[in-house]
C-alpha atoms as a PDB file:
ATOM      1  CA  MET A   1     130.260 104.982 122.518  1.00  0.00           C
ATOM      2  CA  SER A   2     127.205 105.729 123.023  1.00  0.00           C
ATOM      3  CA  ASN A   3     126.978 109.111 121.733  1.00  0.00           C
ATOM      4  CA  ASN A   4     128.497 107.525 118.783  1.00  0.00           C
ATOM      5  CA  ASN A   5     125.441 105.587 118.454  1.00  0.00           C
ATOM      6  CA  ARG A   6     122.887 108.143 119.467  1.00  0.00           C
ATOM      7  CA  ALA A   7     124.112 110.182 116.121  1.00  0.00           C
ATOM      8  CA  VAL A   8     124.650 106.933 113.615  1.00  0.00           C
ATOM      9  CA  GLY A   9     120.636 105.229 115.462  1.00  0.00           C
ATOM     10  CA  GLY A  10     119.092 108.752 115.671  1.00  0.00           C
ATOM     11  CA  GLY A  11     118.268 108.729 119.122  1.00  0.00           C
ATOM     12  CA  ARG A  12     115.209 106.463 118.543  1.00  0.00           C
ATOM     13  CA  GLY A  13     114.696 105.217 122.271  1.00  0.00           C
ATOM     14  CA  GLY A  14     117.040 102.652 121.667  1.00  0.00           C
ATOM     15  CA  ASP A  15     120.268 103.825 122.778  1.00  0.00           C
ATOM     16  CA  HIS A  16     119.700 102.332 126.347  1.00  0.00           C
ATOM     17  CA  ASN A  17     119.744  98.937 124.793  1.00  0.00           C
ATOM     18  CA  ASN A  18     122.695  99.607 122.974  1.00  0.00           C
ATOM     19  CA  ASP A  19     124.584 100.926 126.089  1.00  0.00           C
ATOM     20  CA  LEU A  20     123.259  97.309 127.585  1.00  0.00           C
ATOM     21  CA  PHE A  21     124.769  95.839 124.357  1.00  0.00           C
ATOM     22  CA  PHE A  22     128.309  97.569 124.994  1.00  0.00           C
ATOM     23  CA  ARG A  23     128.669  96.766 128.359  1.00  0.00           C
ATOM     24  CA  MET A  24     127.718  92.804 127.952  1.00  0.00           C
ATOM     25  CA  ILE A  25     130.075  92.802 125.288  1.00  0.00           C
ATOM     26  CA  ARG A  26     133.118  94.647 127.330  1.00  0.00           C
ATOM     27  CA  GLN A  27     131.989  92.153 130.109  1.00  0.00           C
ATOM     28  CA  ILE A  28     132.546  88.648 127.224  1.00  0.00           C
ATOM     29  CA  ALA A  29     135.112  90.177 125.719  1.00  0.00           C
ATOM     30  CA  PRO A  30     137.885  88.560 128.015  1.00  0.00           C
ATOM     31  CA  LEU A  31     135.765  85.151 127.622  1.00  0.00           C
ATOM     32  CA  VAL A  32     135.036  85.415 123.411  1.00  0.00           C
ATOM     33  CA  GLY A  33     138.763  87.821 122.592  1.00  0.00           C
ATOM     34  CA  PRO A  34     138.908  90.855 120.789  1.00  0.00           C
ATOM     35  CA  LEU A  35     138.009  90.229 117.562  1.00  0.00           C
ATOM     36  CA  VAL A  36     134.201  88.430 118.112  1.00  0.00           C
ATOM     37  CA  ALA A  37     134.460  91.614 120.540  1.00  0.00           C
ATOM     38  CA  ASN A  38     134.821  94.240 118.114  1.00  0.00           C
ATOM     39  CA  ARG A  39     132.689  91.968 115.232  1.00  0.00           C
ATOM     40  CA  LEU A  40     129.615  92.189 117.548  1.00  0.00           C
ATOM     41  CA  ILE A  41     130.109  96.122 117.854  1.00  0.00           C
ATOM     42  CA  GLN A  42     130.301  96.227 114.505  1.00  0.00           C
ATOM     43  CA  ALA A  43     127.511  94.254 113.753  1.00  0.00           C
ATOM     44  CA  LEU A  44     125.726  96.385 116.005  1.00  0.00           C
ATOM     45  CA  LEU A  45     127.037  99.844 114.444  1.00  0.00           C
ATOM     46  CA  GLY A  46     125.403  98.174 111.224  1.00  0.00           C
ATOM     47  CA  LEU A  47     122.108  97.702 112.176  1.00  0.00           C
ATOM     48  CA  ASN A  48     121.623 100.733 114.067  1.00  0.00           C
ATOM     49  CA  LEU A  49     122.882 102.406 110.443  1.00  0.00           C
ATOM     50  CA  GLY A  50     120.685 100.105 108.864  1.00  0.00           C
ATOM     51  CA  TRP A  51     117.765 100.868 111.142  1.00  0.00           C
ATOM     52  CA  ALA A  52     118.111 104.746 109.944  1.00  0.00           C
ATOM     53  CA  VAL A  53     118.839 104.420 106.557  1.00  0.00           C
ATOM     54  CA  THR A  54     115.452 101.875 106.679  1.00  0.00           C
ATOM     55  CA  ARG A  55     114.158 105.094 108.326  1.00  0.00           C
ATOM     56  CA  ARG A  56     115.038 107.644 106.105  1.00  0.00           C
ATOM     57  CA  VAL A  57     113.897 105.426 102.897  1.00  0.00           C
ATOM     58  CA  MET A  58     110.444 104.579 104.641  1.00  0.00           C
ATOM     59  CA  GLU A  59     109.919 108.446 105.605  1.00  0.00           C
ATOM     60  CA  ALA A  60     111.004 109.987 101.747  1.00  0.00           C
ATOM     61  CA  VAL A  61     108.320 106.454 100.723  1.00  0.00           C
ATOM     62  CA  TYR A  62     105.565 108.038 103.008  1.00  0.00           C
ATOM     63  CA  ASN A  63     105.710 111.568 101.937  1.00  0.00           C
ATOM     64  CA  THR A  64     106.011 110.931  98.767  1.00  0.00           C
ATOM     65  CA  LEU A  65     102.668 109.028  98.986  1.00  0.00           C
ATOM     66  CA  ARG A  66     101.475 111.632 101.084  1.00  0.00           C
ATOM     67  CA  ARG A  67     101.962 114.406  98.316  1.00  0.00           C
ATOM     68  CA  HIS A  68     100.865 112.535  95.156  1.00  0.00           C
ATOM     69  CA  CYS A  69      97.863 110.486  97.333  1.00  0.00           C
ATOM     70  CA  GLY A  70      95.198 111.683  94.226  1.00  0.00           C
ATOM     71  CA  LEU A  71      97.724 111.227  91.878  1.00  0.00           C
ATOM     72  CA  ILE A  72      98.175 107.535  92.992  1.00  0.00           C
ATOM     73  CA  VAL A  73      94.175 106.741  94.028  1.00  0.00           C
ATOM     74  CA  GLY A  74      93.386 108.770  90.332  1.00  0.00           C
ATOM     75  CA  SER A  75      95.429 106.728  88.590  1.00  0.00           C
ATOM     76  CA  ALA A  76      94.784 103.074  90.262  1.00  0.00           C
ATOM     77  CA  LEU A  77      91.159 103.322  90.127  1.00  0.00           C
ATOM     78  CA  SER A  78      90.855 104.911  86.217  1.00  0.00           C
ATOM     79  CA  THR A  79      93.569 102.466  85.372  1.00  0.00           C
ATOM     80  CA  ALA A  80      91.267  99.497  86.908  1.00  0.00           C
ATOM     81  CA  GLY A  81      87.907 100.958  85.451  1.00  0.00           C
ATOM     82  CA  LEU A  82      89.025 101.214  81.989  1.00  0.00           C
ATOM     83  CA  ALA A  83      90.331  97.585  82.659  1.00  0.00           C
ATOM     84  CA  VAL A  84      86.454  97.017  83.305  1.00  0.00           C
ATOM     85  CA  LEU A  85      84.867  99.149  80.940  1.00  0.00           C
ATOM     86  CA  ALA A  86      87.217  98.669  77.785  1.00  0.00           C
ATOM     87  CA  PRO A  87      86.199  94.909  76.617  1.00  0.00           C
ATOM     88  CA  SER A  88      82.454  96.094  76.919  1.00  0.00           C
ATOM     89  CA  LEU A  89      83.623  98.952  74.073  1.00  0.00           C
ATOM     90  CA  CYS A  90      85.214  96.837  71.978  1.00  0.00           C
ATOM     91  CA  VAL A  91      82.227  94.251  72.107  1.00  0.00           C
ATOM     92  CA  ALA A  92      80.115  97.307  71.572  1.00  0.00           C
ATOM     93  CA  ILE A  93      82.184  98.794  68.616  1.00  0.00           C
ATOM     94  CA  VAL A  94      82.340  95.429  66.960  1.00  0.00           C
ATOM     95  CA  ASN A  95      78.785  94.870  66.904  1.00  0.00           C
ATOM     96  CA  ALA A  96      77.704  98.499  66.045  1.00  0.00           C
ATOM     97  CA  ILE A  97      79.778  98.072  63.000  1.00  0.00           C
ATOM     98  CA  GLY A  98      77.883  95.105  61.882  1.00  0.00           C
ATOM     99  CA  PHE A  99      79.733  91.907  63.343  1.00  0.00           C
ATOM    100  CA  THR A 100      76.787  90.299  65.666  1.00  0.00           C
ATOM    101  CA  GLN A 101      75.973  86.847  66.975  1.00  0.00           C
ATOM    102  CA  GLY A 102      73.861  86.339  64.864  1.00  0.00           C
ATOM    103  CA  GLY A 103      76.133  86.826  61.916  1.00  0.00           C
ATOM    104  CA  VAL A 104      76.975  90.095  59.466  1.00  0.00           C
ATOM    105  CA  LEU A 105      73.906  92.571  59.984  1.00  0.00           C
ATOM    106  CA  ALA A 106      72.263  94.084  56.690  1.00  0.00           C
ATOM    107  CA  GLY A 107      72.633  97.192  55.543  1.00  0.00           C
ATOM    108  CA  SER A 108      76.322  97.443  57.854  1.00  0.00           C
ATOM    109  CA  ILE A 109      79.208  98.792  57.803  1.00  0.00           C
ATOM    110  CA  ALA A 110      80.499  95.073  57.671  1.00  0.00           C
ATOM    111  CA  ALA A 111      78.030  94.094  54.990  1.00  0.00           C
ATOM    112  CA  SER A 112      79.235  96.869  52.866  1.00  0.00           C
ATOM    113  CA  LEU A 113      82.921  95.956  53.491  1.00  0.00           C
ATOM    114  CA  GLN A 114      81.637  92.295  52.934  1.00  0.00           C
ATOM    115  CA  SER A 115      80.285  93.098  49.890  1.00  0.00           C
ATOM    116  CA  ILE A 116      83.469  95.557  48.326  1.00  0.00           C
ATOM    117  CA  PHE A 117      85.964  93.335  49.304  1.00  0.00           C
ATOM    118  CA  TYR A 118      85.009  89.671  50.169  1.00  0.00           C
ATOM    119  CA  GLY A 119      81.856  88.340  48.272  1.00  0.00           C
ATOM    120  CA  GLY A 120      81.021  85.166  49.683  1.00  0.00           C
ATOM    121  CA  ALA A 121      84.870  84.370  50.868  1.00  0.00           C
ATOM    122  CA  THR A 122      85.805  86.025  53.441  1.00  0.00           C
ATOM    123  CA  GLY A 123      88.847  85.502  55.575  1.00  0.00           C
ATOM    124  CA  GLY A 124      91.891  87.291  57.537  1.00  0.00           C
ATOM    125  CA  ILE A 125      90.294  90.336  59.804  1.00  0.00           C
ATOM    126  CA  PHE A 126      87.028  90.214  58.458  1.00  0.00           C
ATOM    127  CA  SER A 127      86.467  86.708  59.927  1.00  0.00           C
ATOM    128  CA  ALA A 128      87.955  87.414  62.787  1.00  0.00           C
ATOM    129  CA  LEU A 129      86.060  90.504  63.494  1.00  0.00           C
ATOM    130  CA  GLN A 130      83.045  88.506  62.440  1.00  0.00           C
ATOM    131  CA  SER A 131      84.307  85.473  65.235  1.00  0.00           C
ATOM    132  CA  PHE A 132      84.624  88.166  68.242  1.00  0.00           C
ATOM    133  CA  GLY A 133      81.251  89.496  67.056  1.00  0.00           C
ATOM    134  CA  ALA A 134      79.546  86.604  67.424  1.00  0.00           C
ATOM    135  CA  THR A 135      81.358  85.193  70.686  1.00  0.00           C
ATOM    136  CA  ALA A 136      82.208  88.021  73.127  1.00  0.00           C
ATOM    137  CA  ALA A 137      79.425  89.735  75.070  1.00  0.00           C
ATOM    138  CA  ILE A 138      79.018  92.707  77.152  1.00  0.00           C
ATOM    139  CA  ALA A 139      79.772  92.906  80.897  1.00  0.00           C
ATOM    140  CA  SER A 140      76.698  92.755  83.243  1.00  0.00           C
ATOM    141  CA  PRO A 141      75.338  96.063  83.776  1.00  0.00           C
ATOM    142  CA  VAL A 142      76.310  95.675  87.670  1.00  0.00           C
ATOM    143  CA  VAL A 143      80.044  95.228  86.072  1.00  0.00           C
ATOM    144  CA  LEU A 144      79.497  98.393  84.010  1.00  0.00           C
ATOM    145  CA  ALA A 145      78.552 100.714  86.829  1.00  0.00           C
ATOM    146  CA  ILE A 146      81.393  99.563  88.894  1.00  0.00           C
ATOM    147  CA  GLY A 147      83.717 100.182  86.178  1.00  0.00           C
ATOM    148  CA  GLY A 148      82.121 103.553  85.117  1.00  0.00           C
ATOM    149  CA  THR A 149      82.519 104.582  88.601  1.00  0.00           C
ATOM    150  CA  GLY A 150      85.847 103.388  89.258  1.00  0.00           C
ATOM    151  CA  LEU A 151      86.625 105.457  86.312  1.00  0.00           C
ATOM    152  CA  ALA A 152      84.673 108.519  87.513  1.00  0.00           C
ATOM    153  CA  ILE A 153      85.913 108.552  91.125  1.00  0.00           C
ATOM    154  CA  GLY A 154      89.452 107.971  89.147  1.00  0.00           C
ATOM    155  CA  ALA A 155      89.224 110.997  86.827  1.00  0.00           C
ATOM    156  CA  GLY A 156      87.723 113.352  89.746  1.00  0.00           C
ATOM    157  CA  CYS A 157      91.022 112.402  91.733  1.00  0.00           C
ATOM    158  CA  LEU A 158      93.175 112.987  89.205  1.00  0.00           C
ATOM    159  CA  LEU A 159      91.175 116.147  88.610  1.00  0.00           C
ATOM    160  CA  TRP A 160      91.278 116.745  92.253  1.00  0.00           C
ATOM    161  CA  SER A 161      95.161 116.512  92.548  1.00  0.00           C
ATOM    162  CA  TRP A 162      96.058 118.880  89.099  1.00  0.00           C
ATOM    163  CA  TRP A 163      94.182 121.117  90.398  1.00  0.00           C
ATOM    164  CA  LYS A 164      96.037 121.280  93.982  1.00  0.00           C
ATOM    165  CA  ARG A 165      99.396 121.562  91.952  1.00  0.00           C
ATOM    166  CA  ARG A 166      97.957 124.657  90.375  1.00  0.00           C
ATOM    167  CA  GLY A 167      97.185 126.317  93.746  1.00  0.00           C
ATOM    168  CA  GLY A 168      94.080 125.277  94.610  1.00  0.00           C
ATOM    169  CA  ASN A 169      92.273 128.828  94.283  1.00  0.00           C
ATOM    170  CA  ASP A 170      89.752 128.457  91.710  1.00  0.00           C
ATOM    171  CA  GLY A 171      87.943 131.739  93.070  1.00  0.00           C
ATOM    172  CA  GLY A 172      84.687 130.007  94.009  1.00  0.00           C
ATOM    173  CA  GLU A 173      84.224 128.371  89.965  1.00  0.00           C
ATOM    174  CA  GLY A 174      85.075 124.729  91.111  1.00  0.00           C
ATOM    175  CA  ALA A 175      87.831 122.616  89.508  1.00  0.00           C
ATOM    176  CA  VAL A 176      85.850 121.661  86.305  1.00  0.00           C
ATOM    177  CA  ALA A 177      85.431 125.299  85.679  1.00  0.00           C
ATOM    178  CA  VAL A 178      89.082 125.199  85.709  1.00  0.00           C
ATOM    179  CA  ALA A 179      90.213 122.998  84.050  1.00  0.00           C
ATOM    180  CA  ILE A 180      87.787 123.718  81.250  1.00  0.00           C
ATOM    181  CA  LYS A 181      88.722 126.863  80.512  1.00  0.00           C
ATOM    182  CA  SER A 182      92.644 126.309  80.990  1.00  0.00           C
ATOM    183  CA  ASN A 183      92.148 124.278  77.863  1.00  0.00           C
END
């Protein structure tokens, strides 16, 4: 049985414990009966098989993470950076169109739209944009800097990952120059 355990369990140092376990089962088998002893043996073999499968799955996960580290880190940082910057960018765009805290900005695109389509009685999307522009605020410069840094580092990781997948040989030009040339 010990050789079978090594084949199933992968020979990871647990064989000595398994041999002790099987000797112990053989000693108590007359007391508990052969059915219980067989169930204990099956449970042990199942644990060994489970450990072997778990170990293989964990090795596959580790190898995948190691192989795609730049892609995973780059995607996470880029997504986090965009999540921080996107709301402030939306507020800035709405304000630039002319929906500001003080109302519709005179001479803006929003003012032109109001005079052409709405006149004095506005509603719908125009009112929603004005409400958003009047109440929403752009994040602090520190938060924008953190978001921008995360986005830049994430983009760099993605670019590095893409460059490595292409072979990583840029002839001394650098990954950015190679990326610009290939487009």
